[in-house]
Amino acid sequence: MAEKHVTVSCGACDLTETFDKLATARSFIESHRTETGHDPTWELPELAAGVERAGAEAGVCGRSGCTTTESPLYQGDQ
């Protein structure tokens, strides 16, 4: 069995869950937002800083506030 490595936390309701797949964690976050109106966050400790930065610049989180539109990695508006 894979080790659980994605941690989702919600400060509004003191929720903490761990997942072994990123897709499952992302689905959980969206469900929690829809059901509660809270804004949970996730932690991916295995990723190198460069990978996290590249993902943020590419806009993979889907939120405009954490995207660098001037980056050559930016994938929005396509």
C-alpha atoms as a PDB file:
ATOM      1  CA  MET A   1       0.000   0.000   0.000  1.00  0.00           C
ATOM      2  CA  ALA A   2       1.261   3.456  -0.863  1.00  0.00           C
ATOM      3  CA  GLU A   3       2.273   5.769   1.941  1.00  0.00           C
ATOM      4  CA  LYS A   4      -0.160   8.634   2.462  1.00  0.00           C
ATOM      5  CA  HIS A   5       1.600  11.829   1.526  1.00  0.00           C
ATOM      6  CA  VAL A   6      -0.934  14.578   0.764  1.00  0.00           C
ATOM      7  CA  THR A   7      -2.189  16.384   3.869  1.00  0.00           C
ATOM      8  CA  VAL A   8      -5.326  18.537   3.648  1.00  0.00           C
ATOM      9  CA  SER A   9      -6.020  20.956   6.498  1.00  0.00           C
ATOM     10  CA  CYS A  10      -8.845  23.364   7.218  1.00  0.00           C
ATOM     11  CA  GLY A  11      -8.234  25.960   9.905  1.00  0.00           C
ATOM     12  CA  ALA A  12     -11.910  26.939  10.008  1.00  0.00           C
ATOM     13  CA  CYS A  13     -12.995  23.560  11.373  1.00  0.00           C
ATOM     14  CA  ASP A  14      -9.689  22.000  12.548  1.00  0.00           C
ATOM     15  CA  LEU A  15      -9.973  19.281   9.905  1.00  0.00           C
ATOM     16  CA  THR A  16      -6.881  17.316   8.884  1.00  0.00           C
ATOM     17  CA  GLU A  17      -6.990  14.410   6.419  1.00  0.00           C
ATOM     18  CA  THR A  18      -4.237  12.550   4.594  1.00  0.00           C
ATOM     19  CA  PHE A  19      -4.439  10.955   1.151  1.00  0.00           C
ATOM     20  CA  ASP A  20      -2.224   8.757  -0.975  1.00  0.00           C
ATOM     21  CA  LYS A  21      -3.326  10.323  -4.266  1.00  0.00           C
ATOM     22  CA  LEU A  22      -3.320  13.962  -5.300  1.00  0.00           C
ATOM     23  CA  ALA A  23      -6.566  13.563  -7.268  1.00  0.00           C
ATOM     24  CA  THR A  24      -8.399  12.253  -4.203  1.00  0.00           C
ATOM     25  CA  ALA A  25      -7.119  15.136  -2.077  1.00  0.00           C
ATOM     26  CA  ARG A  26      -8.131  17.681  -4.711  1.00  0.00           C
ATOM     27  CA  SER A  27     -11.632  16.196  -4.939  1.00  0.00           C
ATOM     28  CA  PHE A  28     -11.914  16.286  -1.135  1.00  0.00           C
ATOM     29  CA  ILE A  29     -10.883  19.953  -1.065  1.00  0.00           C
ATOM     30  CA  GLU A  30     -13.479  20.923  -3.654  1.00  0.00           C
ATOM     31  CA  SER A  31     -16.197  18.980  -1.827  1.00  0.00           C
ATOM     32  CA  HIS A  32     -15.252  20.596   1.481  1.00  0.00           C
ATOM     33  CA  ARG A  33     -15.349  24.077  -0.097  1.00  0.00           C
ATOM     34  CA  THR A  34     -18.766  23.400  -1.623  1.00  0.00           C
ATOM     35  CA  GLU A  35     -20.249  21.894   1.535  1.00  0.00           C
ATOM     36  CA  THR A  36     -18.828  24.318   4.111  1.00  0.00           C
ATOM     37  CA  GLY A  37     -17.597  27.442   2.331  1.00  0.00           C
ATOM     38  CA  HIS A  38     -14.201  26.919   4.003  1.00  0.00           C
ATOM     39  CA  ASP A  39     -10.894  27.213   2.164  1.00  0.00           C
ATOM     40  CA  PRO A  40      -8.754  24.181   3.065  1.00  0.00           C
ATOM     41  CA  THR A  41      -5.102  23.940   2.046  1.00  0.00           C
ATOM     42  CA  TRP A  42      -2.870  21.022   1.178  1.00  0.00           C
ATOM     43  CA  GLU A  43       0.725  20.153   1.858  1.00  0.00           C
ATOM     44  CA  LEU A  44       2.875  18.085  -0.474  1.00  0.00           C
ATOM     45  CA  PRO A  45       6.165  17.636   1.380  1.00  0.00           C
ATOM     46  CA  GLU A  46       7.788  15.348  -1.210  1.00  0.00           C
ATOM     47  CA  LEU A  47       7.911  17.964  -3.967  1.00  0.00           C
ATOM     48  CA  ALA A  48      11.094  19.909  -4.494  1.00  0.00           C
ATOM     49  CA  ALA A  49      10.820  23.690  -4.275  1.00  0.00           C
ATOM     50  CA  GLY A  50      11.440  23.996  -8.028  1.00  0.00           C
ATOM     51  CA  VAL A  51       8.544  21.669  -8.808  1.00  0.00           C
ATOM     52  CA  GLU A  52       6.192  23.650  -6.571  1.00  0.00           C
ATOM     53  CA  ARG A  53       7.326  26.930  -8.116  1.00  0.00           C
ATOM     54  CA  ALA A  54       6.875  25.575 -11.650  1.00  0.00           C
ATOM     55  CA  GLY A  55       3.381  24.342 -10.802  1.00  0.00           C
ATOM     56  CA  ALA A  56       2.437  27.704  -9.347  1.00  0.00           C
ATOM     57  CA  GLU A  57       3.802  29.553 -12.371  1.00  0.00           C
ATOM     58  CA  ALA A  58       1.935  27.215 -14.708  1.00  0.00           C
ATOM     59  CA  GLY A  59      -1.324  27.952 -12.898  1.00  0.00           C
ATOM     60  CA  VAL A  60      -2.059  24.362 -11.901  1.00  0.00           C
ATOM     61  CA  CYS A  61      -3.950  25.381  -8.775  1.00  0.00           C
ATOM     62  CA  GLY A  62      -6.535  27.185 -10.886  1.00  0.00           C
ATOM     63  CA  ARG A  63      -6.600  30.374  -8.842  1.00  0.00           C
ATOM     64  CA  SER A  64      -5.431  33.625 -10.368  1.00  0.00           C
ATOM     65  CA  GLY A  65      -3.820  34.852  -7.139  1.00  0.00           C
ATOM     66  CA  CYS A  66      -1.138  32.165  -7.240  1.00  0.00           C
ATOM     67  CA  THR A  67      -0.287  32.281 -10.937  1.00  0.00           C
ATOM     68  CA  THR A  68       2.547  34.116 -12.684  1.00  0.00           C
ATOM     69  CA  THR A  69       1.033  34.977 -16.060  1.00  0.00           C
ATOM     70  CA  GLU A  70       4.359  36.324 -17.372  1.00  0.00           C
ATOM     71  CA  SER A  71       6.048  32.946 -16.871  1.00  0.00           C
ATOM     72  CA  PRO A  72       6.783  30.795 -19.918  1.00  0.00           C
ATOM     73  CA  LEU A  73       5.211  27.937 -17.916  1.00  0.00           C
ATOM     74  CA  TYR A  74       1.819  29.657 -17.668  1.00  0.00           C
ATOM     75  CA  GLN A  75      -0.900  27.459 -19.209  1.00  0.00           C
ATOM     76  CA  GLY A  76      -3.997  29.646 -18.760  1.00  0.00           C
ATOM     77  CA  ASP A  77      -6.136  31.260 -21.444  1.00  0.00           C
ATOM     78  CA  GLN A  78      -5.417  28.566 -24.024  1.00  0.00           C
END
